[in-house]
């Protein structure tokens, strides 16, 4: 039994005629790209397609204002672009992300989809070219300025609407745990070995500060993204572009999105390089590294439950093993760690993509776009999930923390200013060999009066910093 051939229509471009699916809004150039790039099955993300629709909408508005586009035709283009922005035409964006390095195939995909939909809105037939994808939809534009513009709009929108609020929520959750745990003194660790005491609240304050610093880095990185290449045309000179086009189109974009968008101060840099994307990716990588450190610490502090560190009690969100009954794993932390690793990997791809600018154009724009937007999405989703499903449910095992603290040889650190480093080290060594605590060995040796020993070995006092001992090398 054979399957009937898919209904099709004929559309043309500068290379000739192409058979296109009859139901498709795209045309000949898009169909060629579909055939030319059967690479990954990965498309540009919806956030980018939405931003590209916004650019086309703003361009139509500007061109109508400049009397370059017939008002009725321009209104139909703007209406079709609105449908693209809303996601109603998403099924017609079919080009693989690994395509022409300028993103021309996807720009033409948008031009053809909008043109054919605008034709329909005016009562015409798809493929008639009554609204032309190049002459009308792409008027005053080039893929070389449109694609980086859409990238900046998409990334800036995602940062402000999604990632920054998600990170703020995570920072707030960590800060709340810092306050909740402020009275719990635990043993600190450096080099994976016992170190001076800290409060659990101090530890979580460090985590909260890492996320807050990441937010600050991303906020600083927004400024370069606000500069748009639109108006530069093919090589940055603005050839075939009305002198007022960029200002007007970017004004419409800014008003609709609420973003502080502006025309690039230098169009040649804006199109030949992707330095802003590389900078933002670096800030995203710093956030990913911070998230990984925090998640890794928390899963280690919650290791056990009986034969690990076990200072933290992590919320049990799902069974941890298909074979070991009762096992519960730190799966939320592991998820965040994997997402962070992917963001770091994406940063390398973006860095290499940023190096792909030769002469007047960067030809790795699709690669940079895909990875940058994925990194933003991954961090936003991970931050929300990590805060809601792990951080907010963490509890402390007070008894275990207190027991490990009292047993720690690192408490001898506080004795050094009063009795000298060598004497304090000898006490720690004897405690380790005998299985006794530092307090027990020091009391048995009578190195200090009991009151002074209690004062120096007060773990909470140690967390406050300062000089606790008397004259170094002498008791009292």
Protein backbone atom coordinates (compact mmCIF):
# COMPACT_ATOMS: atom_id res chain seq x y z
CA UNK A 1 0.00 0.00 0.00
CA UNK A 2 1.46 3.34 -1.00
CA UNK A 3 1.02 6.67 0.74
CA UNK A 4 -0.34 9.45 -1.44
CA UNK A 5 2.14 12.22 -2.15
CA UNK A 6 1.85 15.24 0.09
CA UNK A 7 -0.05 18.06 -1.64
CA UNK A 8 2.33 20.76 -2.79
CA UNK A 9 2.62 24.05 -4.63
CA UNK A 10 5.37 25.62 -6.69
CA UNK A 11 7.22 28.68 -5.41
CA UNK A 12 10.25 30.38 -6.88
CA UNK A 13 13.36 32.24 -5.82
CA UNK A 14 16.43 33.56 -7.63
CA UNK A 15 17.65 30.01 -8.29
CA UNK A 16 14.41 28.80 -9.84
CA UNK A 17 11.27 26.94 -8.84
CA UNK A 18 10.89 24.72 -5.77
CA UNK A 19 8.09 22.37 -4.71
CA UNK A 20 6.78 23.40 -1.27
CA UNK A 21 4.16 21.64 0.92
CA UNK A 22 0.80 23.17 0.09
CA UNK A 23 -0.03 23.75 3.77
CA UNK A 24 3.24 25.53 4.50
CA UNK A 25 3.44 29.27 4.93
CA UNK A 26 7.14 29.19 4.12
CA UNK A 27 8.40 29.27 0.54
CA UNK A 28 11.22 28.33 -1.78
CA UNK A 29 14.23 29.55 0.18
CA UNK A 30 13.04 27.87 3.36
CA UNK A 31 12.42 24.62 1.49
CA UNK A 32 15.94 24.73 0.07
CA UNK A 33 17.30 25.20 3.58
CA UNK A 34 15.29 22.25 4.89
CA UNK A 35 16.88 20.09 2.20
CA UNK A 36 20.36 21.58 2.63
CA UNK A 37 20.61 21.24 6.41
CA UNK A 38 19.34 17.84 7.63
CA UNK A 39 21.75 18.11 10.55
CA UNK A 40 20.33 17.94 14.08
CA UNK A 41 16.57 18.29 14.04
CA UNK A 42 17.08 21.22 16.44
CA UNK A 43 15.33 24.48 15.59
CA UNK A 44 15.83 27.99 16.87
CA UNK A 45 14.11 28.24 20.26
CA UNK A 46 10.65 29.84 20.53
CA UNK A 47 12.07 32.86 22.37
CA UNK A 48 14.22 33.68 19.36
CA UNK A 49 11.37 33.19 16.86
CA UNK A 50 9.26 35.52 18.97
CA UNK A 51 12.03 38.13 18.99
CA UNK A 52 12.47 37.77 15.23
CA UNK A 53 8.74 38.38 14.84
CA UNK A 54 9.07 41.51 16.96
CA UNK A 55 11.83 42.78 14.67
CA UNK A 56 9.68 42.20 11.58
CA UNK A 57 6.70 43.89 13.23
CA UNK A 58 8.78 46.91 14.22
CA UNK A 59 10.32 47.13 10.75
CA UNK A 60 6.88 47.17 9.14
CA UNK A 61 5.74 49.91 11.47
CA UNK A 62 8.83 52.02 10.75
CA UNK A 63 8.59 51.52 6.98
CA UNK A 64 4.92 52.58 6.98
CA UNK A 65 5.79 55.71 8.95
CA UNK A 66 8.53 56.51 6.41
CA UNK A 67 6.07 56.05 3.48
CA UNK A 68 8.19 53.19 2.16
CA UNK A 69 5.46 50.60 2.59
CA UNK A 70 1.84 50.84 1.49
CA UNK A 71 -0.27 51.18 4.66
CA UNK A 72 -2.63 48.33 3.85
CA UNK A 73 0.20 46.02 2.88
CA UNK A 74 2.24 47.08 5.91
CA UNK A 75 -0.71 46.49 8.23
CA UNK A 76 -1.07 42.95 6.90
CA UNK A 77 2.66 42.32 7.44
CA UNK A 78 2.42 43.66 10.99
CA UNK A 79 -0.65 41.51 11.68
CA UNK A 80 1.12 38.40 10.38
CA UNK A 81 4.15 39.28 12.50
CA UNK A 82 1.84 39.53 15.51
CA UNK A 83 0.72 35.95 14.88
CA UNK A 84 4.37 34.91 14.70
CA UNK A 85 5.06 36.70 17.99
CA UNK A 86 2.14 34.91 19.61
CA UNK A 87 3.50 31.52 18.50
CA UNK A 88 0.60 30.77 16.17
CA UNK A 89 2.95 30.15 13.23
CA UNK A 90 5.57 28.17 15.12
CA UNK A 91 5.02 24.97 13.12
CA UNK A 92 6.23 26.74 9.98
CA UNK A 93 9.72 27.51 11.31
CA UNK A 94 11.42 24.38 10.12
CA UNK A 95 15.09 25.17 9.43
CA UNK A 96 17.78 23.40 11.42
CA UNK A 97 19.81 25.65 13.70
CA UNK A 98 23.03 24.33 12.11
CA UNK A 99 22.63 26.25 8.87
CA UNK A 100 24.13 29.26 7.14
CA UNK A 101 26.28 31.10 9.67
CA UNK A 102 24.47 34.41 9.25
CA UNK A 103 21.09 32.84 9.98
CA UNK A 104 19.87 33.92 6.54
CA UNK A 105 17.83 30.75 6.13
CA UNK A 106 15.82 31.50 9.26
CA UNK A 107 15.48 35.18 8.37
CA UNK A 108 14.05 34.12 5.01
CA UNK A 109 11.89 31.53 6.76
CA UNK A 110 10.37 34.42 8.71
CA UNK A 111 10.08 36.65 5.64
CA UNK A 112 8.29 33.94 3.66
CA UNK A 113 5.96 32.90 6.46
CA UNK A 114 4.95 36.50 7.16
CA UNK A 115 4.58 37.28 3.46
CA UNK A 116 2.32 34.31 2.76
CA UNK A 117 0.24 34.85 5.86
CA UNK A 118 -0.11 38.54 4.98
CA UNK A 119 -1.26 37.53 1.50
CA UNK A 120 -3.98 35.38 3.10
CA UNK A 121 -5.02 38.19 5.42
CA UNK A 122 -5.52 40.35 2.33
CA UNK A 123 -7.65 37.67 0.67
CA UNK A 124 -4.96 36.32 -1.64
CA UNK A 125 -3.44 32.89 -2.24
CA UNK A 126 -0.28 31.57 -0.62
CA UNK A 127 2.68 31.62 -2.99
CA UNK A 128 1.33 34.44 -5.15
CA UNK A 129 4.11 36.83 -4.04
CA UNK A 130 1.55 39.65 -3.77
CA UNK A 131 3.40 40.39 -0.57
CA UNK A 132 7.07 39.87 -1.33
CA UNK A 133 9.32 38.32 1.33
CA UNK A 134 12.34 40.41 0.32
CA UNK A 135 10.90 43.61 -1.12
CA UNK A 136 8.24 44.10 1.53
CA UNK A 137 8.82 42.02 4.69
CA UNK A 138 12.62 42.40 4.63
CA UNK A 139 12.54 46.06 3.57
CA UNK A 140 15.41 48.02 5.14
CA UNK A 141 16.93 44.88 6.60
CA UNK A 142 19.59 42.25 6.07
CA UNK A 143 19.99 38.91 7.81
CA UNK A 144 23.32 40.32 8.98
CA UNK A 145 21.67 42.94 11.19
CA UNK A 146 18.31 41.24 11.83
CA UNK A 147 19.63 38.00 13.34
CA UNK A 148 21.99 39.63 15.90
CA UNK A 149 19.20 42.09 16.75
CA UNK A 150 16.76 39.26 17.42
CA UNK A 151 19.41 37.46 19.47
CA UNK A 152 19.92 40.49 21.70
CA UNK A 153 16.19 41.08 22.13
CA UNK A 154 15.55 37.42 22.96
CA UNK A 155 18.44 37.14 25.40
CA UNK A 156 17.69 40.41 27.16
CA UNK A 157 14.00 39.51 27.45
CA UNK A 158 14.81 36.09 28.90
CA UNK A 159 17.29 37.51 31.38
CA UNK A 160 14.90 40.11 32.72
CA UNK A 161 11.67 38.11 32.64
CA UNK A 162 12.94 34.69 33.65
CA UNK A 163 16.50 34.24 34.88
CA UNK A 164 16.98 37.26 37.12
CA UNK A 165 13.69 36.69 39.00
CA UNK A 166 14.54 32.99 39.37
CA UNK A 167 17.96 33.81 40.82
CA UNK A 168 16.44 36.42 43.13
CA UNK A 169 14.08 33.75 44.45
CA UNK A 170 16.94 31.34 45.04
CA UNK A 171 19.01 34.00 46.80
CA UNK A 172 16.02 34.76 49.04
CA UNK A 173 15.58 31.06 49.89
CA UNK A 174 19.26 30.72 50.79
CA UNK A 175 19.18 33.92 52.86
CA UNK A 176 16.15 32.63 54.76
CA UNK A 177 18.02 29.41 55.58
CA UNK A 178 20.97 31.52 56.69
CA UNK A 179 18.75 33.26 59.23
CA UNK A 180 17.11 29.99 60.29
CA UNK A 181 20.50 28.36 60.89
CA UNK A 182 22.23 31.36 62.46
CA UNK A 183 22.46 29.76 65.94
CA UNK A 184 23.82 26.39 64.76
CA UNK A 185 27.60 26.11 65.15
CA UNK A 186 29.29 23.41 63.07
CA UNK A 187 32.76 22.41 62.12
CA UNK A 188 34.14 24.17 59.06
CA UNK A 189 36.12 22.30 56.45
CA UNK A 190 39.00 23.22 54.16
CA UNK A 191 40.81 20.75 51.88
CA UNK A 192 37.96 18.36 52.85
CA UNK A 193 39.43 18.27 56.37
CA UNK A 194 38.15 19.72 59.65
CA UNK A 195 38.85 23.42 60.08
CA UNK A 196 37.74 26.21 62.42
CA UNK A 197 34.06 26.36 63.44
CA UNK A 198 31.48 28.34 61.53
CA UNK A 199 27.75 28.70 61.94
CA UNK A 200 25.56 26.92 59.46
CA UNK A 201 23.97 30.31 58.93
CA UNK A 202 27.34 31.76 57.87
CA UNK A 203 27.76 28.95 55.37
CA UNK A 204 24.36 29.65 53.81
CA UNK A 205 25.03 33.38 53.83
CA UNK A 206 27.98 32.62 51.58
CA UNK A 207 25.74 30.68 49.23
CA UNK A 208 23.21 33.51 49.13
CA UNK A 209 25.98 36.01 48.43
CA UNK A 210 27.31 33.94 45.53
CA UNK A 211 23.90 34.05 43.85
CA UNK A 212 23.52 37.77 44.61
CA UNK A 213 26.91 38.45 43.04
CA UNK A 214 25.83 36.43 40.00
CA UNK A 215 22.73 38.60 39.71
CA UNK A 216 24.93 41.71 39.81
CA UNK A 217 27.16 40.33 37.05
CA UNK A 218 24.16 39.60 34.85
CA UNK A 219 22.67 43.03 35.50
CA UNK A 220 25.93 44.64 34.35
CA UNK A 221 25.98 42.43 31.26
CA UNK A 222 22.56 43.67 30.14
CA UNK A 223 23.87 46.98 28.85
CA UNK A 224 25.78 45.55 25.85
CA UNK A 225 22.77 43.43 24.90
CA UNK A 226 20.60 46.54 24.70
CA UNK A 227 22.65 47.76 21.71
CA UNK A 228 21.08 46.54 18.45
CA UNK A 229 22.66 46.00 15.06
CA UNK A 230 19.44 46.86 13.20
CA UNK A 231 20.05 49.48 10.52
CA UNK A 232 23.53 48.28 9.58
CA UNK A 233 22.29 46.31 6.57
CA UNK A 234 24.77 43.92 4.95
CA UNK A 235 28.14 45.13 6.23
CA UNK A 236 27.31 47.92 8.69
CA UNK A 237 27.12 50.84 6.25
CA UNK A 238 23.33 51.00 6.17
CA UNK A 239 23.13 50.44 2.41
CA UNK A 240 19.50 50.55 1.15
CA UNK A 241 18.26 51.59 4.59
CA UNK A 242 16.40 54.85 5.25
CA UNK A 243 18.42 57.04 7.65
CA UNK A 244 15.47 57.13 10.06
CA UNK A 245 14.64 53.42 9.87
CA UNK A 246 16.79 52.08 12.72
CA UNK A 247 15.78 54.78 15.18
CA UNK A 248 12.09 54.32 14.47
CA UNK A 249 12.10 50.52 14.39
CA UNK A 250 14.14 50.26 17.58
CA UNK A 251 11.81 52.77 19.20
CA UNK A 252 8.86 50.52 18.41
CA UNK A 253 10.74 47.50 19.77
CA UNK A 254 11.61 49.31 22.99
CA UNK A 255 8.05 50.54 23.52
CA UNK A 256 6.51 47.11 22.96
CA UNK A 257 9.01 45.08 25.00
CA UNK A 258 9.76 47.57 27.76
CA UNK A 259 13.47 46.93 27.20
CA UNK A 260 16.02 49.78 27.16
CA UNK A 261 16.97 49.14 23.54
CA UNK A 262 19.13 51.49 21.48
CA UNK A 263 20.90 51.56 18.15
CA UNK A 264 24.46 50.24 18.16
CA UNK A 265 27.08 52.93 18.64
CA UNK A 266 29.15 51.25 15.92
CA UNK A 267 27.39 49.05 13.38
CA UNK A 268 30.61 47.53 12.11
CA UNK A 269 31.42 46.10 15.54
CA UNK A 270 27.81 45.07 16.08
CA UNK A 271 27.80 42.86 12.96
CA UNK A 272 31.39 41.72 12.71
CA UNK A 273 31.58 40.55 16.33
CA UNK A 274 29.38 38.98 19.00
CA UNK A 275 31.26 40.31 22.00
CA UNK A 276 28.10 41.16 23.95
CA UNK A 277 26.88 37.56 23.72
CA UNK A 278 30.30 36.29 24.80
CA UNK A 279 30.26 38.65 27.78
CA UNK A 280 26.79 37.55 28.87
CA UNK A 281 27.78 33.92 28.48
CA UNK A 282 30.74 34.52 30.77
CA UNK A 283 28.40 35.91 33.41
CA UNK A 284 26.09 32.92 32.94
CA UNK A 285 29.05 30.59 33.38
CA UNK A 286 29.95 32.31 36.66
CA UNK A 287 26.39 31.74 37.89
CA UNK A 288 26.57 28.10 36.79
CA UNK A 289 29.85 27.59 38.66
CA UNK A 290 28.32 29.13 41.79
CA UNK A 291 25.21 26.96 41.52
CA UNK A 292 27.34 23.87 41.09
CA UNK A 293 29.44 24.68 44.18
CA UNK A 294 26.35 25.27 46.28
CA UNK A 295 24.57 22.14 45.06
CA UNK A 296 27.67 20.02 45.56
CA UNK A 297 28.20 21.32 49.11
CA UNK A 298 24.59 20.67 50.05
CA UNK A 299 24.57 17.12 48.75
CA UNK A 300 27.82 16.36 50.61
CA UNK A 301 26.54 17.95 53.83
CA UNK A 302 23.43 15.80 53.44
CA UNK A 303 25.33 12.61 52.64
CA UNK A 304 24.45 9.53 54.64
CA UNK A 305 22.00 9.30 56.18
CA UNK A 306 24.02 7.29 58.74
CA UNK A 307 27.50 6.97 57.31
CA UNK A 308 28.13 10.28 55.61
CA UNK A 309 28.45 13.81 56.93
CA UNK A 310 24.72 14.00 57.58
CA UNK A 311 24.71 17.55 58.93
CA UNK A 312 21.82 18.47 56.66
CA UNK A 313 18.57 16.58 56.23
CA UNK A 314 17.50 16.96 52.60
CA UNK A 315 13.86 16.70 51.53
CA UNK A 316 13.00 13.28 50.14
CA UNK A 317 11.41 13.92 46.76
CA UNK A 318 11.54 10.46 45.17
CA UNK A 319 12.84 6.92 45.77
CA UNK A 320 16.53 6.78 44.95
CA UNK A 321 17.11 3.25 43.76
CA UNK A 322 15.48 0.56 41.67
CA UNK A 323 17.15 -2.14 43.78
CA UNK A 324 17.91 -0.70 47.24
CA UNK A 325 14.70 -0.18 49.26
CA UNK A 326 14.47 3.00 51.26
CA UNK A 327 17.36 4.75 49.52
CA UNK A 328 16.81 8.45 48.84
CA UNK A 329 19.25 10.40 46.69
CA UNK A 330 19.99 14.16 46.37
CA UNK A 331 18.43 14.24 42.91
CA UNK A 332 17.56 17.94 42.85
CA UNK A 333 21.17 18.85 43.55
CA UNK A 334 22.35 16.42 40.88
CA UNK A 335 19.96 17.93 38.36
CA UNK A 336 21.27 21.43 39.08
CA UNK A 337 24.87 20.23 38.77
CA UNK A 338 24.23 18.67 35.37
CA UNK A 339 22.51 21.83 34.12
CA UNK A 340 25.45 23.89 35.36
CA UNK A 341 27.86 21.64 33.48
CA UNK A 342 25.85 22.15 30.30
CA UNK A 343 25.98 25.92 30.74
CA UNK A 344 29.78 25.75 31.09
CA UNK A 345 29.92 23.64 27.92
CA UNK A 346 27.65 26.11 26.13
CA UNK A 347 29.99 28.92 27.13
CA UNK A 348 32.84 27.19 25.32
CA UNK A 349 30.70 26.87 22.18
CA UNK A 350 29.71 30.54 22.46
CA UNK A 351 33.35 31.55 22.94
CA UNK A 352 34.37 29.61 19.84
CA UNK A 353 31.39 31.12 18.04
CA UNK A 354 32.51 34.58 19.06
CA UNK A 355 35.84 33.83 17.40
CA UNK A 356 33.95 33.16 14.16
CA UNK A 357 33.79 36.76 13.03
CA UNK A 358 35.74 37.27 9.82
CA UNK A 359 35.90 40.74 8.29
CA UNK A 360 32.41 42.32 8.36
CA UNK A 361 30.30 39.46 9.72
CA UNK A 362 30.23 36.79 12.41
CA UNK A 363 29.18 33.55 10.73
CA UNK A 364 28.34 31.51 13.83
CA UNK A 365 25.25 33.44 14.86
CA UNK A 366 22.90 30.42 15.00
CA UNK A 367 25.32 28.49 17.21
CA UNK A 368 25.72 31.43 19.58
CA UNK A 369 21.98 32.04 19.67
CA UNK A 370 21.02 28.46 20.43
CA UNK A 371 23.56 28.05 23.22
CA UNK A 372 23.06 31.42 24.86
CA UNK A 373 19.30 31.07 25.07
CA UNK A 374 19.60 27.48 26.28
CA UNK A 375 21.97 28.57 29.05
CA UNK A 376 19.54 31.24 30.22
CA UNK A 377 16.66 28.75 30.21
CA UNK A 378 18.64 26.04 32.01
CA UNK A 379 19.81 28.34 34.78
CA UNK A 380 16.37 29.86 35.28
CA UNK A 381 14.63 26.48 35.53
CA UNK A 382 17.38 25.02 37.73
CA UNK A 383 17.41 27.98 40.10
CA UNK A 384 13.64 27.81 40.57
CA UNK A 385 13.66 24.05 41.05
CA UNK A 386 16.68 24.06 43.36
CA UNK A 387 15.14 26.71 45.59
CA UNK A 388 11.64 25.25 45.71
CA UNK A 389 12.35 21.52 45.91
CA UNK A 390 15.59 21.47 47.87
CA UNK A 391 16.69 24.64 49.66
CA UNK A 392 13.34 25.52 51.23
CA UNK A 393 12.97 22.00 52.64
CA UNK A 394 16.44 21.60 54.14
CA UNK A 395 16.69 20.93 57.89
CA UNK A 396 19.71 20.62 60.18
CA UNK A 397 20.62 17.57 62.25
CA UNK A 398 21.46 19.46 65.47
CA UNK A 399 22.66 16.44 67.43
CA UNK A 400 25.01 15.20 64.73
CA UNK A 401 26.43 18.67 64.13
CA UNK A 402 27.12 19.19 67.84
CA UNK A 403 28.75 15.78 68.22
CA UNK A 404 31.08 16.25 65.26
CA UNK A 405 31.96 19.74 66.41
CA UNK A 406 33.01 18.62 69.89
CA UNK A 407 35.03 15.73 68.45
CA UNK A 408 36.92 17.90 66.00
CA UNK A 409 40.67 18.28 66.43
CA UNK A 410 40.43 21.67 64.72
CA UNK A 411 39.26 23.22 68.02
CA UNK A 412 42.91 23.25 69.02
CA UNK A 413 43.27 26.26 66.72
CA UNK A 414 41.79 28.50 69.40
CA UNK A 415 44.42 27.41 71.92
CA UNK A 416 47.40 28.45 69.79
CA UNK A 417 47.39 32.17 70.67
CA UNK A 418 47.40 31.32 74.39
CA UNK A 419 49.78 28.33 74.62
CA UNK A 420 51.63 28.52 71.29
CA UNK A 421 51.27 26.64 68.04
CA UNK A 422 53.52 23.73 68.97
CA UNK A 423 51.77 23.04 72.28
CA UNK A 424 48.35 23.26 70.61
CA UNK A 425 49.50 20.89 67.86
CA UNK A 426 50.74 18.40 70.47
CA UNK A 427 47.32 18.44 72.15
CA UNK A 428 45.57 17.80 68.80
CA UNK A 429 47.96 14.97 68.02
CA UNK A 430 47.43 13.33 71.41
CA UNK A 431 43.66 13.70 71.08
CA UNK A 432 43.77 11.99 67.69
CA UNK A 433 45.91 9.14 69.00
CA UNK A 434 43.90 8.59 72.18
CA UNK A 435 40.41 9.06 70.80
CA UNK A 436 39.72 11.85 73.28
CA UNK A 437 38.60 15.39 72.50
CA UNK A 438 40.86 18.41 72.45
CA UNK A 439 39.02 19.71 75.50
CA UNK A 440 39.65 16.50 77.44
CA UNK A 441 43.36 16.38 76.63
CA UNK A 442 43.89 20.08 77.37
CA UNK A 443 42.06 19.80 80.70
CA UNK A 444 44.06 16.71 81.70
CA UNK A 445 47.34 18.49 80.94
CA UNK A 446 46.25 21.60 82.86
CA UNK A 447 47.59 23.89 80.15
CA UNK A 448 45.11 26.62 81.15
CA UNK A 449 42.78 27.35 84.06
CA UNK A 450 39.37 25.73 83.49
CA UNK A 451 37.63 29.08 82.97
CA UNK A 452 40.15 30.14 80.31
CA UNK A 453 39.92 26.76 78.62
CA UNK A 454 36.13 26.99 78.45
CA UNK A 455 36.36 30.51 77.08
CA UNK A 456 38.85 29.61 74.37
CA UNK A 457 37.09 26.39 73.38
CA UNK A 458 33.68 28.03 73.06
CA UNK A 459 32.79 27.17 69.44
CA UNK A 460 30.36 30.07 69.06
CA UNK A 461 33.01 32.57 70.09
CA UNK A 462 35.30 31.11 67.44
CA UNK A 463 32.73 31.93 64.73
CA UNK A 464 32.86 35.63 65.63
CA UNK A 465 36.52 36.11 64.71
CA UNK A 466 38.99 38.19 66.65
CA UNK A 467 41.83 37.31 69.01
CA UNK A 468 40.67 35.03 71.83
CA UNK A 469 43.93 34.18 73.55
CA UNK A 470 46.40 35.96 75.80
CA UNK A 471 50.10 36.52 75.10
CA UNK A 472 51.20 33.92 72.50
CA UNK A 473 53.27 31.08 73.91
CA UNK A 474 52.26 31.65 77.54
CA UNK A 475 49.25 30.38 79.48
CA UNK A 476 46.64 32.85 80.79
